[in-house]
């Protein structure tokens, strides 16, 4: 593998990240180049997993494709085929940083849960899913960032990931239900607030439910953001930017829960840039 080929592979991963994950991209642009590249490779791989789960095809076909991706994870320490930019970049990243391959495997597990259209009876059941698809990203990121207390940081990253994923779930209630046929909100909570099992029902009940789940997410942000104290300046700015964007998105949902039933709630570009700049300025020396 030549230096030019490796540079091209990382460039492709950064392009994928910029186009497909605008919120994520605002955070990782605050990192030094080697770490930014490694994070782009991680995202591009996660995007590959998500594209299988959310793409066309039967559940059985998707599970077969995910099994192949799991094999790719197992072989990351071996030389990667030059034509696969994502695997080339990620294979290089795992030689440079202590990235936990088990967390990549968890990403695949979370996608398998989606393919099976699993339902979650309790919030604790949903947390298991959130740890697979979002907490794993936090643990992968720590492999790149490093921290002053790895054991404590791992738990906090996991908690923050749960808050981020619950925010995603609330934002995408309608799309997940109507397009993907998925309902993530816990069945106990739907029943408690008088909502239908498919996350339909009286609007006042849905408003109360969304605000209740938003409160749970806020608790995870409050605890998980303790991670910032364990990171270096640039990594701290990166996490603060990504979490800050999602936290402001959650605030919008909490203020107007009906909005998520009408359209995809998002932040304007200027506000994301402002959060990123503020995060870098506030990261300290």
Protein backbone atom coordinates (compact mmCIF):
# COMPACT_ATOMS: atom_id res chain seq x y z
CA UNK A 1 0.00 0.00 0.00
CA UNK A 2 1.60 3.28 -1.10
CA UNK A 3 1.28 6.55 0.75
CA UNK A 4 -0.77 7.98 -2.09
CA UNK A 5 -3.23 5.08 -1.98
CA UNK A 6 -3.62 5.45 1.77
CA UNK A 7 -4.13 9.22 1.47
CA UNK A 8 -6.78 8.64 -1.20
CA UNK A 9 -8.54 6.13 1.05
CA UNK A 10 -8.68 8.57 3.94
CA UNK A 11 -9.83 11.35 1.59
CA UNK A 12 -12.71 9.14 0.45
CA UNK A 13 -13.73 8.49 4.07
CA UNK A 14 -13.64 12.21 4.83
CA UNK A 15 -15.82 12.87 1.80
CA UNK A 16 -18.36 10.28 2.99
CA UNK A 17 -18.40 11.86 6.43
CA UNK A 18 -18.83 15.39 5.10
CA UNK A 19 -21.75 14.41 2.86
CA UNK A 20 -23.54 11.87 5.06
CA UNK A 21 -22.92 13.06 8.63
CA UNK A 22 -22.97 16.82 8.84
CA UNK A 23 -23.39 16.92 12.63
CA UNK A 24 -20.54 14.46 13.15
CA UNK A 25 -18.35 16.34 10.66
CA UNK A 26 -18.69 19.60 12.60
CA UNK A 27 -17.10 17.93 15.60
CA UNK A 28 -14.26 15.98 14.02
CA UNK A 29 -13.06 18.95 11.96
CA UNK A 30 -11.75 20.32 15.29
CA UNK A 31 -9.31 17.40 15.64
CA UNK A 32 -5.71 17.29 14.40
CA UNK A 33 -5.43 15.68 10.96
CA UNK A 34 -4.41 12.12 11.98
CA UNK A 35 -7.25 11.82 14.48
CA UNK A 36 -9.73 13.46 12.11
CA UNK A 37 -8.81 10.93 9.44
CA UNK A 38 -9.19 8.00 11.82
CA UNK A 39 -12.59 9.25 12.96
CA UNK A 40 -13.68 9.64 9.33
CA UNK A 41 -12.70 6.03 8.69
CA UNK A 42 -14.76 4.93 11.68
CA UNK A 43 -17.76 6.90 10.48
CA UNK A 44 -17.47 5.62 6.90
CA UNK A 45 -17.49 2.06 8.22
CA UNK A 46 -20.50 2.80 10.45
CA UNK A 47 -22.23 4.29 7.41
CA UNK A 48 -21.59 1.05 5.52
CA UNK A 49 -23.28 -0.90 8.29
CA UNK A 50 -26.25 1.51 8.42
CA UNK A 51 -26.67 1.42 4.63
CA UNK A 52 -27.19 -2.32 4.80
CA UNK A 53 -29.77 -2.05 7.56
CA UNK A 54 -31.67 0.84 5.99
CA UNK A 55 -31.31 -0.23 2.36
CA UNK A 56 -33.49 -2.37 0.12
CA UNK A 57 -33.72 -6.13 0.34
CA UNK A 58 -35.18 -8.73 2.64
CA UNK A 59 -34.21 -9.06 6.28
CA UNK A 60 -32.56 -12.39 5.48
CA UNK A 61 -30.40 -10.83 2.76
CA UNK A 62 -29.42 -7.98 5.05
CA UNK A 63 -28.37 -10.38 7.79
CA UNK A 64 -26.17 -12.23 5.30
CA UNK A 65 -24.56 -8.94 4.25
CA UNK A 66 -23.97 -8.01 7.88
CA UNK A 67 -22.32 -11.37 8.50
CA UNK A 68 -19.87 -10.51 5.72
CA UNK A 69 -19.19 -7.12 7.32
CA UNK A 70 -18.52 -8.88 10.61
CA UNK A 71 -15.86 -10.92 8.83
CA UNK A 72 -14.33 -7.68 7.58
CA UNK A 73 -14.01 -6.51 11.18
CA UNK A 74 -12.24 -9.73 12.12
CA UNK A 75 -9.68 -9.25 9.35
CA UNK A 76 -8.91 -5.55 9.86
CA UNK A 77 -5.38 -6.20 11.10
CA UNK A 78 -4.55 -7.99 7.84
CA UNK A 79 -3.69 -6.10 4.60
CA UNK A 80 -6.88 -4.74 3.02
CA UNK A 81 -7.89 -4.85 -0.67
CA UNK A 82 -6.71 -1.67 -2.38
CA UNK A 83 -10.09 -1.11 -4.03
CA UNK A 84 -11.97 -0.74 -0.74
CA UNK A 85 -11.13 2.73 0.54
CA UNK A 86 -13.09 2.36 3.77
CA UNK A 87 -11.36 -0.86 4.81
CA UNK A 88 -7.96 0.45 3.75
CA UNK A 89 -8.34 3.58 5.88
CA UNK A 90 -9.87 1.76 8.84
CA UNK A 91 -7.25 -0.98 8.65
CA UNK A 92 -4.57 1.69 8.91
CA UNK A 93 -6.37 3.48 11.75
CA UNK A 94 -6.53 0.36 13.92
CA UNK A 95 -2.75 0.00 13.62
CA UNK A 96 -2.24 3.60 14.77
CA UNK A 97 -4.76 3.77 17.62
CA UNK A 98 -6.08 1.27 20.20
CA UNK A 99 -9.50 1.11 18.57
CA UNK A 100 -11.61 -1.64 20.23
CA UNK A 101 -12.73 -3.97 17.44
CA UNK A 102 -15.39 -5.39 19.74
CA UNK A 103 -17.22 -2.07 19.51
CA UNK A 104 -17.26 -2.36 15.70
CA UNK A 105 -18.82 -5.78 16.16
CA UNK A 106 -21.46 -4.22 18.42
CA UNK A 107 -22.38 -1.81 15.64
CA UNK A 108 -23.18 -4.80 13.47
CA UNK A 109 -25.22 -6.33 16.29
CA UNK A 110 -27.29 -3.16 16.59
CA UNK A 111 -27.99 -3.19 12.87
CA UNK A 112 -29.05 -6.83 13.10
CA UNK A 113 -31.58 -5.77 15.73
CA UNK A 114 -32.96 -3.24 13.25
CA UNK A 115 -33.20 -5.83 10.51
CA UNK A 116 -35.20 -8.07 12.80
CA UNK A 117 -37.39 -5.07 13.69
CA UNK A 118 -37.01 -5.82 17.36
CA UNK A 119 -39.29 -4.03 19.82
CA UNK A 120 -38.29 -2.81 23.26
CA UNK A 121 -40.59 -3.45 26.18
CA UNK A 122 -38.80 -1.22 28.68
CA UNK A 123 -36.39 1.68 28.54
CA UNK A 124 -33.72 -0.64 29.91
CA UNK A 125 -34.24 -2.86 26.87
CA UNK A 126 -33.87 0.16 24.59
CA UNK A 127 -30.62 1.10 26.36
CA UNK A 128 -29.11 -2.20 25.19
CA UNK A 129 -29.80 -1.18 21.59
CA UNK A 130 -28.53 2.37 22.16
CA UNK A 131 -25.27 1.03 23.56
CA UNK A 132 -24.78 -1.07 20.45
CA UNK A 133 -25.41 1.64 17.89
CA UNK A 134 -24.25 4.79 19.73
CA UNK A 135 -22.37 3.89 22.89
CA UNK A 136 -20.10 1.82 20.68
CA UNK A 137 -19.26 4.96 18.68
CA UNK A 138 -18.22 6.66 21.90
CA UNK A 139 -15.95 3.77 22.82
CA UNK A 140 -14.46 3.66 19.33
CA UNK A 141 -13.85 7.40 19.51
CA UNK A 142 -12.04 7.04 22.83
CA UNK A 143 -9.62 4.69 21.10
CA UNK A 144 -8.66 7.61 18.89
CA UNK A 145 -8.94 10.40 21.47
CA UNK A 146 -7.27 8.76 24.45
CA UNK A 147 -8.21 9.86 27.99
CA UNK A 148 -6.74 10.40 31.43
CA UNK A 149 -8.95 7.69 32.99
CA UNK A 150 -9.91 5.04 30.39
CA UNK A 151 -12.23 3.05 32.66
CA UNK A 152 -14.24 6.08 33.76
CA UNK A 153 -14.22 7.56 30.27
CA UNK A 154 -15.63 4.37 28.75
CA UNK A 155 -18.70 4.45 30.98
CA UNK A 156 -19.28 8.15 30.39
CA UNK A 157 -18.93 7.77 26.62
CA UNK A 158 -21.49 4.98 26.74
CA UNK A 159 -23.92 7.16 28.72
CA UNK A 160 -23.47 10.10 26.38
CA UNK A 161 -24.10 7.81 23.42
CA UNK A 162 -27.44 6.77 24.91
CA UNK A 163 -28.47 10.44 25.15
CA UNK A 164 -27.47 11.05 21.55
CA UNK A 165 -29.35 7.99 20.29
CA UNK A 166 -32.54 8.81 22.18
CA UNK A 167 -32.37 12.25 20.56
CA UNK A 168 -32.15 10.55 17.16
CA UNK A 169 -35.08 8.30 18.00
CA UNK A 170 -37.28 11.24 19.00
CA UNK A 171 -36.32 13.21 15.89
CA UNK A 172 -37.11 10.30 13.58
CA UNK A 173 -40.28 8.88 15.13
CA UNK A 174 -42.40 9.33 12.01
CA UNK A 175 -39.76 8.28 9.46
CA UNK A 176 -38.82 5.20 11.46
CA UNK A 177 -42.46 4.19 11.83
CA UNK A 178 -43.85 5.02 8.40
CA UNK A 179 -40.85 4.33 6.16
CA UNK A 180 -38.78 1.75 8.00
CA UNK A 181 -41.55 0.02 9.95
CA UNK A 182 -39.65 0.45 13.21
CA UNK A 183 -40.81 1.67 16.61
CA UNK A 184 -38.07 2.28 19.15
CA UNK A 185 -40.08 3.90 21.94
CA UNK A 186 -40.51 1.44 24.82
CA UNK A 187 -43.83 -0.41 24.80
CA UNK A 188 -44.33 0.26 28.52
CA UNK A 189 -44.02 4.01 27.93
CA UNK A 190 -46.36 3.99 24.94
CA UNK A 191 -49.00 2.25 27.04
CA UNK A 192 -48.39 4.44 30.08
CA UNK A 193 -49.06 7.64 28.12
CA UNK A 194 -52.01 6.24 26.19
CA UNK A 195 -50.30 6.03 22.80
CA UNK A 196 -50.83 3.30 20.22
CA UNK A 197 -48.32 0.48 19.93
CA UNK A 198 -47.17 1.91 16.57
CA UNK A 199 -46.31 5.27 18.19
CA UNK A 200 -49.54 6.78 16.99
CA UNK A 201 -52.41 7.96 19.11
CA UNK A 202 -53.82 11.19 20.54
CA UNK A 203 -51.49 14.14 19.95
CA UNK A 204 -51.53 15.30 23.60
CA UNK A 205 -50.40 11.83 24.65
CA UNK A 206 -47.57 11.84 22.12
CA UNK A 207 -46.47 15.28 23.28
CA UNK A 208 -46.25 14.07 26.87
CA UNK A 209 -44.38 10.93 25.82
CA UNK A 210 -41.83 12.82 23.72
CA UNK A 211 -41.15 15.24 26.58
CA UNK A 212 -40.78 12.35 29.01
CA UNK A 213 -38.21 10.59 26.83
CA UNK A 214 -36.44 13.92 26.20
CA UNK A 215 -36.04 14.22 29.95
CA UNK A 216 -34.36 10.85 30.05
CA UNK A 217 -31.99 11.92 27.29
CA UNK A 218 -31.14 15.12 29.16
CA UNK A 219 -30.14 13.08 32.20
CA UNK A 220 -27.72 11.09 30.02
CA UNK A 221 -26.20 14.27 28.59
CA UNK A 222 -25.74 15.73 32.07
CA UNK A 223 -23.86 12.65 33.24
CA UNK A 224 -22.07 11.75 30.02
CA UNK A 225 -20.61 15.19 29.44
CA UNK A 226 -18.39 14.57 32.44
CA UNK A 227 -16.27 12.87 29.78
CA UNK A 228 -14.99 16.28 28.67
CA UNK A 229 -12.80 16.61 31.76
CA UNK A 230 -10.92 13.43 30.79
CA UNK A 231 -9.94 14.46 27.25
CA UNK A 232 -7.23 16.61 25.71
CA UNK A 233 -8.15 20.07 24.40
CA UNK A 234 -8.94 19.19 20.77
CA UNK A 235 -10.77 15.96 21.61
CA UNK A 236 -12.74 17.84 24.26
CA UNK A 237 -13.75 20.43 21.68
CA UNK A 238 -14.79 17.70 19.25
CA UNK A 239 -17.07 15.95 21.74
CA UNK A 240 -18.46 19.25 23.04
CA UNK A 241 -19.36 20.31 19.50
CA UNK A 242 -21.11 17.07 18.56
CA UNK A 243 -22.93 16.77 21.87
CA UNK A 244 -23.76 20.48 21.83
CA UNK A 245 -25.44 20.24 18.43
CA UNK A 246 -27.54 17.26 19.51
CA UNK A 247 -28.34 18.84 22.89
CA UNK A 248 -29.70 21.95 21.16
CA UNK A 249 -31.67 19.69 18.81
CA UNK A 250 -33.15 17.93 21.84
CA UNK A 251 -34.08 21.29 23.35
CA UNK A 252 -36.03 22.15 20.19
CA UNK A 253 -37.86 18.85 20.32
CA UNK A 254 -38.66 19.35 24.00
CA UNK A 255 -40.04 22.85 23.35
CA UNK A 256 -42.19 21.72 20.42
CA UNK A 257 -42.78 17.95 20.45
CA UNK A 258 -45.41 18.21 17.71
CA UNK A 259 -42.70 19.33 15.28
CA UNK A 260 -41.23 15.81 15.09
CA UNK A 261 -44.64 14.53 13.96
CA UNK A 262 -44.70 17.03 11.10
CA UNK A 263 -41.13 17.31 9.78
CA UNK A 264 -37.51 16.40 10.46
CA UNK A 265 -36.25 18.80 13.12
CA UNK A 266 -32.72 20.09 12.52
CA UNK A 267 -30.43 23.01 13.30
CA UNK A 268 -29.48 25.56 10.63
CA UNK A 269 -25.90 25.48 9.36
CA UNK A 270 -24.99 28.75 11.05
CA UNK A 271 -26.04 27.40 14.44
CA UNK A 272 -23.99 24.22 14.06
CA UNK A 273 -20.94 26.30 13.08
CA UNK A 274 -21.53 28.56 16.08
CA UNK A 275 -21.69 25.58 18.45
CA UNK A 276 -18.46 24.17 16.97
CA UNK A 277 -16.63 27.50 17.26
CA UNK A 278 -17.88 27.99 20.81
CA UNK A 279 -16.77 24.48 21.72
CA UNK A 280 -13.24 25.08 20.44
CA UNK A 281 -13.01 28.45 22.21
CA UNK A 282 -14.25 26.95 25.46
CA UNK A 283 -12.01 23.90 25.37
CA UNK A 284 -9.26 25.66 27.25
CA UNK A 285 -5.51 25.38 26.83
